[in-house]
Amino acid sequence: MLPPIGVAAKAPLRPRILDGALAPWPLFGRDPSPSAVRYGKQAINTVAATTSAGYYLSLRDHDRREALAKLSDLPVEILGGSSDRLRPPGHSTAMSAMLPDAGLTIA
C-alpha cells in the first residue's frame, strides 16, 4: 500500500498557511532564498481558492496502484529523491514492491 500523499483541506487556508514560519519548508527546503519564497507565495496566491481546494482533494484521492500492473512486462526504473518532501522515498519503495522486476534508484 502506498503511503498517504496529502491531506485534503475542507477550505483553503492559503494566506494564513503561506505566512506561517513553517510554510516554505515543504516547497523550498530548510534554507530557501527569500526571493524564491516571495515568488512562490505570489504564484500560489494567484490561484482561486476553489482551485486550490480541488487540487488537494484530487491529491488525496489519486491512487494509481492498479495502473502499475500494466507496467509489469516493461523495463521500469523508479527514481526518487532522498529529500523529496512531495513524494517521499517511501512512495518509490512501495512502487518498487509492486513491480518486483523494476529498478529502484533513490538519490
N, C-alpha and C. Protein backbone atom coordinates (compact mmCIF):
# COMPACT_ATOMS: atom_id res chain seq x y z
N MET A 1 0.84 -1.18 0.00
CA MET A 1 0.00 0.00 0.00
C MET A 1 0.88 1.25 0.00
N LEU A 2 0.52 2.21 -0.85
CA LEU A 2 1.29 3.45 -0.89
C LEU A 2 1.01 4.30 0.33
N PRO A 3 2.00 4.99 0.85
CA PRO A 3 1.76 5.90 1.97
C PRO A 3 0.85 7.04 1.53
N PRO A 4 0.14 7.67 2.44
CA PRO A 4 -0.71 8.80 2.05
C PRO A 4 0.14 9.92 1.49
N ILE A 5 -0.39 10.60 0.47
CA ILE A 5 0.38 11.65 -0.17
C ILE A 5 -0.11 13.05 0.16
N GLY A 6 -1.17 13.18 0.87
CA GLY A 6 -1.64 14.52 1.20
C GLY A 6 -2.88 14.45 2.06
N VAL A 7 -3.21 15.53 2.65
CA VAL A 7 -4.41 15.63 3.46
C VAL A 7 -5.27 16.71 2.85
N ALA A 8 -6.51 16.38 2.57
CA ALA A 8 -7.40 17.35 1.94
C ALA A 8 -7.86 18.38 2.95
N ALA A 9 -7.90 19.59 2.51
CA ALA A 9 -8.40 20.68 3.35
C ALA A 9 -9.88 20.88 3.06
N LYS A 10 -10.68 21.15 4.10
CA LYS A 10 -12.09 21.43 3.89
C LYS A 10 -12.26 22.79 3.22
N ALA A 11 -11.44 23.72 3.57
CA ALA A 11 -11.46 25.04 2.95
C ALA A 11 -10.01 25.52 2.85
N PRO A 12 -9.65 26.14 1.76
CA PRO A 12 -8.26 26.58 1.62
C PRO A 12 -7.91 27.64 2.65
N LEU A 13 -6.72 27.49 3.20
CA LEU A 13 -6.23 28.43 4.21
C LEU A 13 -4.97 29.10 3.70
N ARG A 14 -4.89 29.34 2.42
CA ARG A 14 -3.66 29.81 1.78
C ARG A 14 -2.99 30.98 2.48
N PRO A 15 -3.63 32.12 2.66
CA PRO A 15 -2.88 33.24 3.22
C PRO A 15 -2.30 32.96 4.60
N ARG A 16 -3.08 32.32 5.46
CA ARG A 16 -2.59 32.03 6.81
C ARG A 16 -1.46 31.01 6.76
N ILE A 17 -1.60 29.97 5.96
CA ILE A 17 -0.57 28.94 5.89
C ILE A 17 0.69 29.49 5.26
N LEU A 18 0.55 30.23 4.17
CA LEU A 18 1.73 30.73 3.48
C LEU A 18 2.51 31.75 4.28
N ASP A 19 1.85 32.44 5.20
CA ASP A 19 2.54 33.42 6.00
C ASP A 19 3.15 32.81 7.27
N GLY A 20 2.90 31.52 7.53
CA GLY A 20 3.43 30.87 8.72
C GLY A 20 4.92 30.60 8.60
N ALA A 21 5.57 30.44 9.72
CA ALA A 21 7.02 30.24 9.74
C ALA A 21 7.44 28.94 9.06
N LEU A 22 6.60 27.90 9.11
CA LEU A 22 6.96 26.61 8.53
C LEU A 22 6.53 26.45 7.09
N ALA A 23 5.77 27.38 6.57
CA ALA A 23 5.19 27.24 5.24
C ALA A 23 6.21 26.99 4.13
N PRO A 24 7.36 27.67 4.08
CA PRO A 24 8.26 27.46 2.95
C PRO A 24 8.90 26.07 2.89
N TRP A 25 9.02 25.38 4.04
CA TRP A 25 9.78 24.12 4.07
C TRP A 25 9.28 23.08 3.07
N PRO A 26 7.98 22.78 3.00
CA PRO A 26 7.56 21.72 2.07
C PRO A 26 7.85 22.06 0.61
N LEU A 27 7.86 23.32 0.26
CA LEU A 27 8.08 23.71 -1.13
C LEU A 27 9.54 23.99 -1.46
N PHE A 28 10.28 24.57 -0.52
CA PHE A 28 11.60 25.09 -0.83
C PHE A 28 12.74 24.51 -0.01
N GLY A 29 12.48 23.70 0.98
CA GLY A 29 13.55 23.13 1.79
C GLY A 29 13.83 23.95 3.04
N ARG A 30 14.89 23.57 3.73
CA ARG A 30 15.19 24.16 5.04
C ARG A 30 15.72 25.59 4.99
N ASP A 31 16.42 25.95 3.94
CA ASP A 31 17.04 27.28 3.90
C ASP A 31 16.75 27.95 2.55
N PRO A 32 15.48 28.26 2.28
CA PRO A 32 15.14 28.82 0.97
C PRO A 32 15.57 30.28 0.84
N SER A 33 15.77 30.68 -0.38
CA SER A 33 16.09 32.10 -0.60
C SER A 33 14.81 32.91 -0.43
N PRO A 34 14.89 34.07 0.19
CA PRO A 34 13.70 34.90 0.38
C PRO A 34 12.99 35.23 -0.93
N SER A 35 13.75 35.43 -2.01
CA SER A 35 13.11 35.76 -3.28
C SER A 35 12.32 34.57 -3.83
N ALA A 36 12.82 33.34 -3.65
CA ALA A 36 12.08 32.16 -4.11
C ALA A 36 10.78 32.01 -3.32
N VAL A 37 10.84 32.25 -2.02
CA VAL A 37 9.63 32.14 -1.18
C VAL A 37 8.62 33.22 -1.58
N ARG A 38 9.10 34.44 -1.80
CA ARG A 38 8.19 35.52 -2.22
C ARG A 38 7.52 35.17 -3.54
N TYR A 39 8.31 34.70 -4.50
CA TYR A 39 7.77 34.32 -5.80
C TYR A 39 6.74 33.20 -5.65
N GLY A 40 7.07 32.18 -4.86
CA GLY A 40 6.15 31.07 -4.64
C GLY A 40 4.84 31.51 -4.02
N LYS A 41 4.93 32.39 -3.02
CA LYS A 41 3.72 32.90 -2.37
C LYS A 41 2.85 33.67 -3.36
N GLN A 42 3.50 34.51 -4.17
CA GLN A 42 2.74 35.27 -5.16
C GLN A 42 2.05 34.34 -6.15
N ALA A 43 2.76 33.32 -6.61
CA ALA A 43 2.18 32.39 -7.58
C ALA A 43 1.00 31.63 -6.98
N ILE A 44 1.17 31.13 -5.76
CA ILE A 44 0.11 30.36 -5.11
C ILE A 44 -1.10 31.24 -4.81
N ASN A 45 -0.85 32.47 -4.39
CA ASN A 45 -1.95 33.36 -4.04
C ASN A 45 -2.74 33.85 -5.25
N THR A 46 -2.24 33.61 -6.47
CA THR A 46 -3.00 33.99 -7.66
C THR A 46 -4.01 32.91 -8.04
N VAL A 47 -3.91 31.74 -7.44
CA VAL A 47 -4.82 30.64 -7.75
C VAL A 47 -6.11 30.81 -6.95
N ALA A 48 -7.23 30.58 -7.62
CA ALA A 48 -8.53 30.70 -6.94
C ALA A 48 -8.62 29.70 -5.80
N ALA A 49 -9.27 30.09 -4.72
CA ALA A 49 -9.40 29.23 -3.54
C ALA A 49 -10.06 27.90 -3.90
N THR A 50 -11.07 27.92 -4.75
CA THR A 50 -11.76 26.66 -5.12
C THR A 50 -10.82 25.75 -5.90
N THR A 51 -9.94 26.33 -6.70
CA THR A 51 -8.97 25.52 -7.45
C THR A 51 -8.00 24.85 -6.49
N SER A 52 -7.50 25.60 -5.51
CA SER A 52 -6.58 25.04 -4.52
C SER A 52 -7.24 23.90 -3.75
N ALA A 53 -8.46 24.12 -3.31
CA ALA A 53 -9.17 23.08 -2.56
C ALA A 53 -9.35 21.83 -3.41
N GLY A 54 -9.72 22.01 -4.66
CA GLY A 54 -9.89 20.86 -5.56
C GLY A 54 -8.61 20.11 -5.80
N TYR A 55 -7.50 20.83 -5.87
CA TYR A 55 -6.20 20.20 -6.07
C TYR A 55 -5.86 19.29 -4.90
N TYR A 56 -6.05 19.77 -3.68
CA TYR A 56 -5.74 18.95 -2.51
C TYR A 56 -6.66 17.74 -2.43
N LEU A 57 -7.92 17.90 -2.79
CA LEU A 57 -8.84 16.76 -2.80
C LEU A 57 -8.39 15.74 -3.83
N SER A 58 -7.96 16.19 -5.01
CA SER A 58 -7.54 15.24 -6.04
C SER A 58 -6.26 14.51 -5.63
N LEU A 59 -5.36 15.18 -4.92
CA LEU A 59 -4.16 14.50 -4.41
C LEU A 59 -4.53 13.41 -3.41
N ARG A 60 -5.48 13.72 -2.55
CA ARG A 60 -5.90 12.75 -1.54
C ARG A 60 -6.48 11.50 -2.20
N ASP A 61 -7.23 11.69 -3.27
CA ASP A 61 -7.94 10.58 -3.90
C ASP A 61 -7.15 9.90 -5.01
N HIS A 62 -6.02 10.44 -5.39
CA HIS A 62 -5.24 9.91 -6.51
C HIS A 62 -4.58 8.59 -6.10
N ASP A 63 -4.97 7.52 -6.75
CA ASP A 63 -4.42 6.20 -6.44
C ASP A 63 -4.23 5.46 -7.76
N ARG A 64 -3.00 5.25 -8.14
CA ARG A 64 -2.71 4.62 -9.43
C ARG A 64 -2.09 3.24 -9.28
N ARG A 65 -2.33 2.58 -8.16
CA ARG A 65 -1.74 1.26 -7.95
C ARG A 65 -2.16 0.25 -9.02
N GLU A 66 -3.44 0.29 -9.44
CA GLU A 66 -3.90 -0.65 -10.46
C GLU A 66 -3.15 -0.43 -11.77
N ALA A 67 -2.83 0.81 -12.08
CA ALA A 67 -2.12 1.11 -13.33
C ALA A 67 -0.71 0.53 -13.34
N LEU A 68 -0.11 0.35 -12.17
CA LEU A 68 1.25 -0.20 -12.11
C LEU A 68 1.31 -1.60 -12.72
N ALA A 69 0.27 -2.38 -12.57
CA ALA A 69 0.25 -3.74 -13.11
C ALA A 69 0.49 -3.74 -14.62
N LYS A 70 0.06 -2.70 -15.31
CA LYS A 70 0.25 -2.62 -16.76
C LYS A 70 1.71 -2.42 -17.14
N LEU A 71 2.53 -2.04 -16.18
CA LEU A 71 3.95 -1.84 -16.44
C LEU A 71 4.79 -3.08 -16.15
N SER A 72 4.17 -4.14 -15.68
CA SER A 72 4.92 -5.31 -15.22
C SER A 72 5.71 -6.01 -16.33
N ASP A 73 5.31 -5.88 -17.57
CA ASP A 73 6.04 -6.52 -18.68
C ASP A 73 7.02 -5.58 -19.37
N LEU A 74 7.19 -4.40 -18.83
CA LEU A 74 8.08 -3.41 -19.43
C LEU A 74 9.29 -3.17 -18.53
N PRO A 75 10.41 -2.75 -19.12
CA PRO A 75 11.54 -2.38 -18.27
C PRO A 75 11.22 -1.05 -17.57
N VAL A 76 11.31 -1.04 -16.26
CA VAL A 76 10.95 0.13 -15.46
C VAL A 76 12.08 0.48 -14.50
N GLU A 77 12.39 1.75 -14.42
CA GLU A 77 13.33 2.25 -13.41
C GLU A 77 12.58 3.31 -12.61
N ILE A 78 12.47 3.11 -11.32
CA ILE A 78 11.79 4.05 -10.44
C ILE A 78 12.85 4.96 -9.83
N LEU A 79 12.66 6.26 -10.00
CA LEU A 79 13.61 7.24 -9.48
C LEU A 79 12.95 8.03 -8.37
N GLY A 80 13.68 8.25 -7.30
CA GLY A 80 13.15 9.04 -6.18
C GLY A 80 14.25 9.90 -5.58
N GLY A 81 13.82 10.95 -4.92
CA GLY A 81 14.77 11.83 -4.25
C GLY A 81 14.78 11.56 -2.76
N SER A 82 15.96 11.43 -2.19
CA SER A 82 16.06 11.10 -0.76
C SER A 82 15.51 12.21 0.13
N SER A 83 15.46 13.43 -0.38
CA SER A 83 14.94 14.55 0.41
C SER A 83 13.64 15.10 -0.15
N ASP A 84 13.01 14.38 -1.04
CA ASP A 84 11.77 14.85 -1.67
C ASP A 84 10.65 14.88 -0.64
N ARG A 85 10.07 16.05 -0.43
CA ARG A 85 9.00 16.19 0.56
C ARG A 85 7.63 15.98 -0.05
N LEU A 86 7.50 16.14 -1.37
CA LEU A 86 6.20 15.96 -2.00
C LEU A 86 5.93 14.49 -2.35
N ARG A 87 6.95 13.78 -2.71
CA ARG A 87 6.87 12.34 -2.97
C ARG A 87 8.03 11.69 -2.23
N PRO A 88 7.84 11.39 -0.95
CA PRO A 88 8.93 10.85 -0.14
C PRO A 88 9.43 9.50 -0.66
N PRO A 89 10.64 9.11 -0.28
CA PRO A 89 11.21 7.85 -0.74
C PRO A 89 10.30 6.64 -0.49
N GLY A 90 9.49 6.69 0.55
CA GLY A 90 8.58 5.57 0.81
C GLY A 90 7.62 5.30 -0.33
N HIS A 91 7.25 6.32 -1.08
CA HIS A 91 6.39 6.13 -2.24
C HIS A 91 7.11 5.30 -3.30
N SER A 92 8.37 5.65 -3.57
CA SER A 92 9.15 4.91 -4.56
C SER A 92 9.37 3.47 -4.12
N THR A 93 9.65 3.28 -2.84
CA THR A 93 9.85 1.94 -2.31
C THR A 93 8.58 1.10 -2.43
N ALA A 94 7.44 1.70 -2.15
CA ALA A 94 6.16 0.98 -2.27
C ALA A 94 5.89 0.61 -3.72
N MET A 95 6.18 1.51 -4.64
CA MET A 95 6.01 1.20 -6.06
C MET A 95 6.93 0.06 -6.47
N SER A 96 8.14 0.08 -5.98
CA SER A 96 9.10 -0.96 -6.29
C SER A 96 8.62 -2.33 -5.80
N ALA A 97 7.99 -2.35 -4.64
CA ALA A 97 7.46 -3.61 -4.12
C ALA A 97 6.35 -4.16 -5.01
N MET A 98 5.61 -3.26 -5.68
CA MET A 98 4.53 -3.70 -6.57
C MET A 98 5.04 -4.09 -7.96
N LEU A 99 6.26 -3.68 -8.28
CA LEU A 99 6.91 -4.03 -9.55
C LEU A 99 8.26 -4.67 -9.24
N PRO A 100 8.26 -5.93 -8.84
CA PRO A 100 9.50 -6.55 -8.34
C PRO A 100 10.65 -6.58 -9.35
N ASP A 101 10.36 -6.50 -10.66
CA ASP A 101 11.44 -6.52 -11.65
C ASP A 101 11.95 -5.10 -11.97
N ALA A 102 11.35 -4.10 -11.38
CA ALA A 102 11.76 -2.72 -11.64
C ALA A 102 13.03 -2.38 -10.88
N GLY A 103 13.82 -1.50 -11.44
CA GLY A 103 14.97 -0.97 -10.73
C GLY A 103 14.50 0.16 -9.82
N LEU A 104 15.23 0.42 -8.77
CA LEU A 104 14.89 1.49 -7.85
C LEU A 104 16.15 2.29 -7.53
N THR A 105 16.08 3.59 -7.81
CA THR A 105 17.21 4.47 -7.50
C THR A 105 16.67 5.63 -6.67
N ILE A 106 17.20 5.76 -5.46
CA ILE A 106 16.87 6.90 -4.61
C ILE A 106 18.16 7.69 -4.45
N ALA A 107 18.16 8.89 -4.98
CA ALA A 107 19.39 9.70 -4.94
C ALA A 107 19.25 10.85 -3.98
